[in-house]
Amino acid sequence: MKQMLKFIFSKLFLINLVAAIILIIIAFYSFSSYLTSYTLHGESVTVPSLEGLSEEEVATLLNEKELRYEILDSIYVEKQPKGIVIDQNPKAESFVKKNRKIYITVTKKSTPKISFPSVIDMSQRLAVAKLESYGLKVNTEYRPSEHQGIVIDCKLGDKSIATGDEVGLGSKITVVIGTGKGEGKVMVPYLTNLSRGEAEQQLQASFLGIGLEIYDESCKTAEDSATAKVYKQQPSYGSESTLFIGSSVDIYLTCDTAKINVQNLSLDSLNNESENSENE
């Protein structure tokens, strides 16, 4: 008995035991792989990539592969084309049996509608935050009114919209802010080298809004547009450049830094001084 226990705990026995376990594991996986290969032999096909394809293209491609499909979900993705595949299961390059069903997720073919929320009489900050939380894009416009600093109207394009109206998700809404009584004028702020958002903040501080937004040829993608800076504005900045409260300023944006002249401020001031001297 002692000799048996001594052998069991000997180095030789332990080495043989480990070797036997390893051989059993290798044999098991080899048999499993063979069984899978044998089972799918002549029946398996490679799942093609379906992402970016329309439903019609998916049907044609899978029919050629003797596969089927089912739309698992349809979701709205703002920057994606409508009605294309954005996900699939099983994934591309997987091996499946013929006649297997491939589950796909596609983008919605139409923009979802939402009920326009109530923002009239809200402050500008609260109204903008609320509309953005509903998935809407917001521009601001100012208009002389007996009410100051609150929303007096909302527009989609040139038409006013009311609470409860249906609008497309991602629509650009113009929020009209009252500026109080009077037809006073304000100085046109200096916008050169500001981003679109920074320019809007500067204009809002002067009770003005953005008019046209014109991007030059250097802005090729949405990411480019997001980082573009103002290189020109109309009306331009100057000591004599004023607008009625609620007016708009057109901005021209670029991704080409060589186009942005940060000295425009001093140059405009000199030009205005020269013009004033000539007028005198």
Protein backbone atom coordinates (compact mmCIF):
# COMPACT_ATOMS: atom_id res chain seq x y z
CA MET A 1 0.00 0.00 0.00
CA LYS A 2 2.81 2.35 0.89
CA GLN A 3 4.54 1.57 -2.39
CA MET A 4 1.33 2.36 -4.34
CA LEU A 5 0.90 5.71 -2.59
CA LYS A 6 4.54 6.49 -3.17
CA PHE A 7 4.11 5.74 -6.88
CA ILE A 8 0.92 7.86 -7.14
CA PHE A 9 2.70 10.87 -5.71
CA SER A 10 5.87 10.28 -7.67
CA LYS A 11 7.05 12.67 -10.36
CA LEU A 12 6.80 9.99 -13.07
CA PHE A 13 3.14 9.28 -12.31
CA LEU A 14 2.21 12.97 -12.33
CA ILE A 15 3.95 13.49 -15.69
CA ASN A 16 2.09 10.54 -17.20
CA LEU A 17 -1.21 11.79 -15.76
CA VAL A 18 -0.79 15.28 -17.24
CA ALA A 19 0.22 13.79 -20.61
CA ALA A 20 -2.88 11.57 -20.60
CA ILE A 21 -5.18 14.53 -19.84
CA ILE A 22 -3.63 16.57 -22.66
CA LEU A 23 -4.07 13.68 -25.11
CA ILE A 24 -7.73 13.29 -24.10
CA ILE A 25 -8.38 17.02 -24.65
CA ILE A 26 -6.67 16.97 -28.06
CA ALA A 27 -8.63 13.88 -29.07
CA PHE A 28 -11.92 15.47 -27.95
CA TYR A 29 -11.40 18.68 -29.95
CA SER A 30 -10.17 16.76 -32.99
CA PHE A 31 -13.27 14.57 -32.92
CA SER A 32 -15.55 17.62 -32.46
CA SER A 33 -13.95 19.42 -35.41
CA TYR A 34 -14.24 16.30 -37.57
CA LEU A 35 -17.87 15.82 -36.58
CA THR A 36 -18.72 19.47 -37.38
CA SER A 37 -16.93 19.25 -40.72
CA TYR A 38 -18.64 15.97 -41.57
CA THR A 39 -22.08 17.27 -40.57
CA LEU A 40 -21.76 20.46 -42.68
CA HIS A 41 -19.93 18.85 -45.59
CA GLY A 42 -21.65 19.83 -48.81
CA GLU A 43 -24.28 21.81 -46.89
CA SER A 44 -22.47 24.83 -45.39
CA VAL A 45 -22.18 28.22 -47.08
CA THR A 46 -20.31 31.40 -46.19
CA VAL A 47 -22.51 34.26 -45.04
CA PRO A 48 -21.90 37.31 -47.26
CA SER A 49 -21.59 40.87 -45.96
CA LEU A 50 -24.97 42.59 -46.21
CA GLU A 51 -24.16 45.94 -44.61
CA GLY A 52 -24.95 48.90 -46.85
CA LEU A 53 -27.24 46.89 -49.14
CA SER A 54 -30.91 47.60 -49.81
CA GLU A 55 -33.54 44.98 -48.99
CA GLU A 56 -33.87 44.12 -52.70
CA GLU A 57 -30.11 43.59 -53.00
CA VAL A 58 -30.13 41.43 -49.87
CA ALA A 59 -32.90 39.24 -51.27
CA THR A 60 -31.04 38.71 -54.55
CA LEU A 61 -27.68 37.95 -52.92
CA LEU A 62 -29.04 35.53 -50.31
CA ASN A 63 -31.18 33.74 -52.88
CA GLU A 64 -28.00 32.99 -54.85
CA LYS A 65 -26.44 31.58 -51.66
CA GLU A 66 -29.57 29.54 -50.84
CA LEU A 67 -30.12 31.55 -47.68
CA ARG A 68 -33.10 33.44 -46.31
CA TYR A 69 -33.46 36.68 -44.35
CA GLU A 70 -35.74 38.37 -41.87
CA ILE A 71 -35.81 42.02 -40.79
CA LEU A 72 -35.21 41.96 -37.05
CA ASP A 73 -35.47 45.71 -36.47
CA SER A 74 -35.86 49.01 -38.31
CA ILE A 75 -34.26 52.08 -36.74
CA TYR A 76 -33.72 55.73 -37.63
CA VAL A 77 -30.11 56.82 -38.19
CA GLU A 78 -29.85 60.45 -39.23
CA LYS A 79 -26.68 60.32 -41.33
CA GLN A 80 -27.30 56.94 -42.98
CA PRO A 81 -29.16 56.36 -46.27
CA LYS A 82 -32.71 55.11 -45.82
CA GLY A 83 -33.59 51.44 -46.16
CA ILE A 84 -30.11 49.88 -45.95
CA VAL A 85 -28.69 47.12 -43.76
CA ILE A 86 -26.62 48.35 -40.80
CA ASP A 87 -26.27 45.06 -38.89
CA GLN A 88 -26.66 41.33 -39.47
CA ASN A 89 -26.65 38.07 -37.52
CA PRO A 90 -24.84 35.74 -38.20
CA LYS A 91 -21.97 38.04 -39.15
CA ALA A 92 -20.27 38.05 -42.54
CA GLU A 93 -17.83 35.16 -43.20
CA SER A 94 -19.66 32.84 -40.77
CA PHE A 95 -20.38 29.27 -41.92
CA VAL A 96 -24.02 28.19 -41.82
CA LYS A 97 -26.21 25.51 -43.32
CA LYS A 98 -28.12 26.20 -46.51
CA ASN A 99 -31.57 27.69 -46.05
CA ARG A 100 -30.43 29.35 -42.80
CA LYS A 101 -32.23 32.59 -41.96
CA ILE A 102 -30.07 35.72 -41.64
CA TYR A 103 -31.46 38.39 -39.33
CA ILE A 104 -30.87 41.99 -40.43
CA THR A 105 -31.32 45.46 -38.95
CA VAL A 106 -32.16 48.19 -41.46
CA THR A 107 -32.53 51.97 -41.39
CA LYS A 108 -36.06 53.32 -41.60
CA LYS A 109 -37.27 54.22 -45.08
CA SER A 110 -38.97 57.39 -43.83
CA THR A 111 -38.10 59.99 -41.20
CA PRO A 112 -40.04 59.40 -37.96
CA LYS A 113 -42.51 62.10 -36.96
CA ILE A 114 -42.77 63.64 -33.51
CA SER A 115 -45.35 65.91 -31.91
CA PHE A 116 -43.93 69.43 -31.59
CA PRO A 117 -43.54 70.32 -27.89
CA SER A 118 -44.75 73.49 -26.20
CA VAL A 119 -42.01 76.12 -25.90
CA ILE A 120 -43.89 79.42 -26.38
CA ASP A 121 -43.19 81.88 -23.52
CA MET A 122 -40.15 79.86 -22.42
CA SER A 123 -36.74 81.47 -22.04
CA GLN A 124 -34.38 80.97 -24.97
CA ARG A 125 -32.09 78.65 -22.99
CA LEU A 126 -34.88 76.35 -21.79
CA ALA A 127 -36.63 76.28 -25.18
CA VAL A 128 -33.45 75.36 -27.07
CA ALA A 129 -32.58 72.63 -24.54
CA LYS A 130 -36.10 71.17 -24.75
CA LEU A 131 -36.22 71.12 -28.55
CA GLU A 132 -32.76 69.53 -28.80
CA SER A 133 -33.84 66.84 -26.31
CA TYR A 134 -36.61 65.96 -28.80
CA GLY A 135 -34.01 65.39 -31.53
CA LEU A 136 -34.59 68.70 -33.31
CA LYS A 137 -31.99 71.18 -34.57
CA VAL A 138 -32.42 74.78 -33.48
CA ASN A 139 -31.65 78.17 -34.99
CA THR A 140 -32.57 81.45 -33.33
CA GLU A 141 -34.05 84.62 -34.74
CA TYR A 142 -34.83 87.86 -32.96
CA ARG A 143 -37.85 90.09 -33.44
CA PRO A 144 -38.95 93.33 -31.74
CA SER A 145 -41.79 92.51 -29.36
CA GLU A 146 -43.41 93.67 -26.15
CA HIS A 147 -41.94 90.52 -24.59
CA GLN A 148 -38.18 90.33 -24.12
CA GLY A 149 -35.98 87.23 -23.93
CA ILE A 150 -38.75 84.66 -24.39
CA VAL A 151 -39.98 82.55 -27.31
CA ILE A 152 -42.74 84.29 -29.25
CA ASP A 153 -42.86 81.98 -32.30
CA CYS A 154 -41.38 78.80 -33.80
CA LYS A 155 -40.95 78.19 -37.52
CA LEU A 156 -40.22 75.27 -39.80
CA GLY A 157 -38.89 76.90 -42.94
CA ASP A 158 -41.01 80.01 -43.44
CA LYS A 159 -44.13 78.64 -41.72
CA SER A 160 -45.02 78.96 -38.06
CA ILE A 161 -45.64 75.70 -36.22
CA ALA A 162 -47.84 75.13 -33.20
CA THR A 163 -47.70 72.78 -30.24
CA GLY A 164 -48.84 69.32 -31.34
CA ASP A 165 -47.97 69.72 -35.03
CA GLU A 166 -46.10 66.76 -36.51
CA VAL A 167 -42.50 67.46 -37.55
CA GLY A 168 -39.76 65.17 -38.81
CA LEU A 169 -37.11 64.02 -36.35
CA GLY A 170 -33.95 66.08 -36.97
CA SER A 171 -35.85 69.01 -38.53
CA LYS A 172 -34.29 72.47 -38.24
CA ILE A 173 -36.55 74.71 -36.17
CA THR A 174 -36.18 78.49 -36.00
CA VAL A 175 -37.01 79.80 -32.54
CA VAL A 176 -38.07 83.47 -32.58
CA ILE A 177 -37.04 85.40 -29.48
CA GLY A 178 -38.67 88.69 -28.49
CA THR A 179 -36.27 91.61 -28.03
CA GLY A 180 -38.60 94.06 -26.31
CA LYS A 181 -40.16 97.23 -27.71
CA GLY A 182 -38.34 99.52 -30.09
CA GLU A 183 -36.50 99.39 -33.38
CA GLY A 184 -33.04 100.00 -31.93
CA LYS A 185 -29.83 99.25 -33.77
CA VAL A 186 -26.82 97.25 -32.58
CA MET A 187 -23.21 96.98 -33.68
CA VAL A 188 -22.34 94.07 -35.97
CA PRO A 189 -19.94 91.85 -33.98
CA TYR A 190 -16.59 90.58 -35.27
CA LEU A 191 -16.95 86.92 -36.28
CA THR A 192 -13.72 86.09 -38.13
CA ASN A 193 -11.98 82.87 -36.98
CA LEU A 194 -14.99 81.73 -34.93
CA SER A 195 -16.72 78.38 -35.35
CA ARG A 196 -20.35 78.31 -36.40
CA GLY A 197 -21.45 77.83 -32.77
CA GLU A 198 -19.19 80.60 -31.47
CA ALA A 199 -20.45 82.98 -34.17
CA GLU A 200 -24.06 82.21 -33.21
CA GLN A 201 -23.31 82.98 -29.55
CA GLN A 202 -21.73 86.31 -30.47
CA LEU A 203 -24.71 87.24 -32.63
CA GLN A 204 -27.23 86.19 -29.98
CA ALA A 205 -25.46 88.40 -27.45
CA SER A 206 -26.15 91.32 -29.82
CA PHE A 207 -29.78 90.21 -30.45
CA LEU A 208 -28.89 89.17 -33.99
CA GLY A 209 -29.14 85.85 -35.76
CA ILE A 210 -27.33 83.80 -38.40
CA GLY A 211 -28.57 84.29 -41.95
CA LEU A 212 -26.95 82.27 -44.74
CA GLU A 213 -24.30 79.69 -43.83
CA ILE A 214 -21.99 79.20 -46.80
CA TYR A 215 -19.19 76.60 -46.67
CA ASP A 216 -16.40 76.75 -49.26
CA GLU A 217 -14.97 73.83 -51.24
CA SER A 218 -12.46 72.92 -48.50
CA CYS A 219 -15.32 71.59 -46.33
CA LYS A 220 -16.04 68.19 -47.89
CA THR A 221 -17.59 66.21 -45.02
CA ALA A 222 -19.87 66.77 -42.03
CA GLU A 223 -16.79 66.53 -39.79
CA ASP A 224 -15.10 69.28 -41.84
CA SER A 225 -18.15 71.52 -41.51
CA ALA A 226 -18.15 71.01 -37.74
CA THR A 227 -14.59 72.36 -37.45
CA ALA A 228 -14.88 75.12 -40.08
CA LYS A 229 -14.19 78.75 -39.10
CA VAL A 230 -15.68 82.03 -40.32
CA TYR A 231 -13.46 83.81 -42.85
CA LYS A 232 -16.01 86.35 -44.10
CA GLN A 233 -19.26 87.90 -42.90
CA GLN A 234 -21.93 90.08 -44.46
CA PRO A 235 -22.45 92.78 -43.26
CA SER A 236 -18.79 93.06 -42.29
CA TYR A 237 -17.54 94.29 -38.95
CA GLY A 238 -16.82 98.00 -38.55
CA SER A 239 -17.39 100.97 -36.28
CA GLU A 240 -20.18 102.19 -38.56
CA SER A 241 -21.66 98.75 -39.25
CA THR A 242 -25.01 98.48 -37.45
CA LEU A 243 -28.20 96.47 -37.89
CA PHE A 244 -31.69 96.61 -36.50
CA ILE A 245 -32.27 94.25 -33.59
CA GLY A 246 -33.45 90.88 -34.88
CA SER A 247 -31.56 91.14 -38.19
CA SER A 248 -29.35 88.38 -39.57
CA VAL A 249 -25.69 88.21 -40.56
CA ASP A 250 -24.51 85.88 -43.35
CA ILE A 251 -21.39 83.88 -42.51
CA TYR A 252 -18.87 82.21 -44.85
CA LEU A 253 -16.93 79.28 -43.41
CA THR A 254 -13.78 77.42 -44.45
CA CYS A 255 -11.46 74.62 -43.32
CA ASP A 256 -8.53 76.34 -45.06
CA THR A 257 -6.71 78.32 -42.34
CA ALA A 258 -4.80 80.29 -44.97
CA LYS A 259 -8.10 81.90 -45.93
CA ILE A 260 -8.72 83.24 -42.43
CA ASN A 261 -7.27 86.71 -41.93
CA VAL A 262 -7.21 87.30 -38.18
CA GLN A 263 -6.01 90.85 -38.83
CA ASN A 264 -9.36 91.81 -40.32
CA LEU A 265 -10.31 93.56 -37.08
CA SER A 266 -7.56 96.17 -37.29
CA LEU A 267 -7.85 96.47 -41.05
CA ASP A 268 -11.58 97.11 -40.86
CA SER A 269 -11.01 99.76 -38.21
CA LEU A 270 -8.43 101.53 -40.40
CA ASN A 271 -10.70 101.32 -43.43
CA ASN A 272 -13.59 102.80 -41.51
CA GLU A 273 -11.39 105.62 -40.21
CA SER A 274 -10.28 106.37 -43.79
CA GLU A 275 -13.85 106.36 -45.03
CA ASN A 276 -14.91 108.71 -42.24
CA SER A 277 -12.03 111.10 -43.07
CA GLU A 278 -13.01 111.14 -46.74
CA ASN A 279 -16.64 111.84 -45.87
CA GLU A 280 -15.57 114.77 -43.69
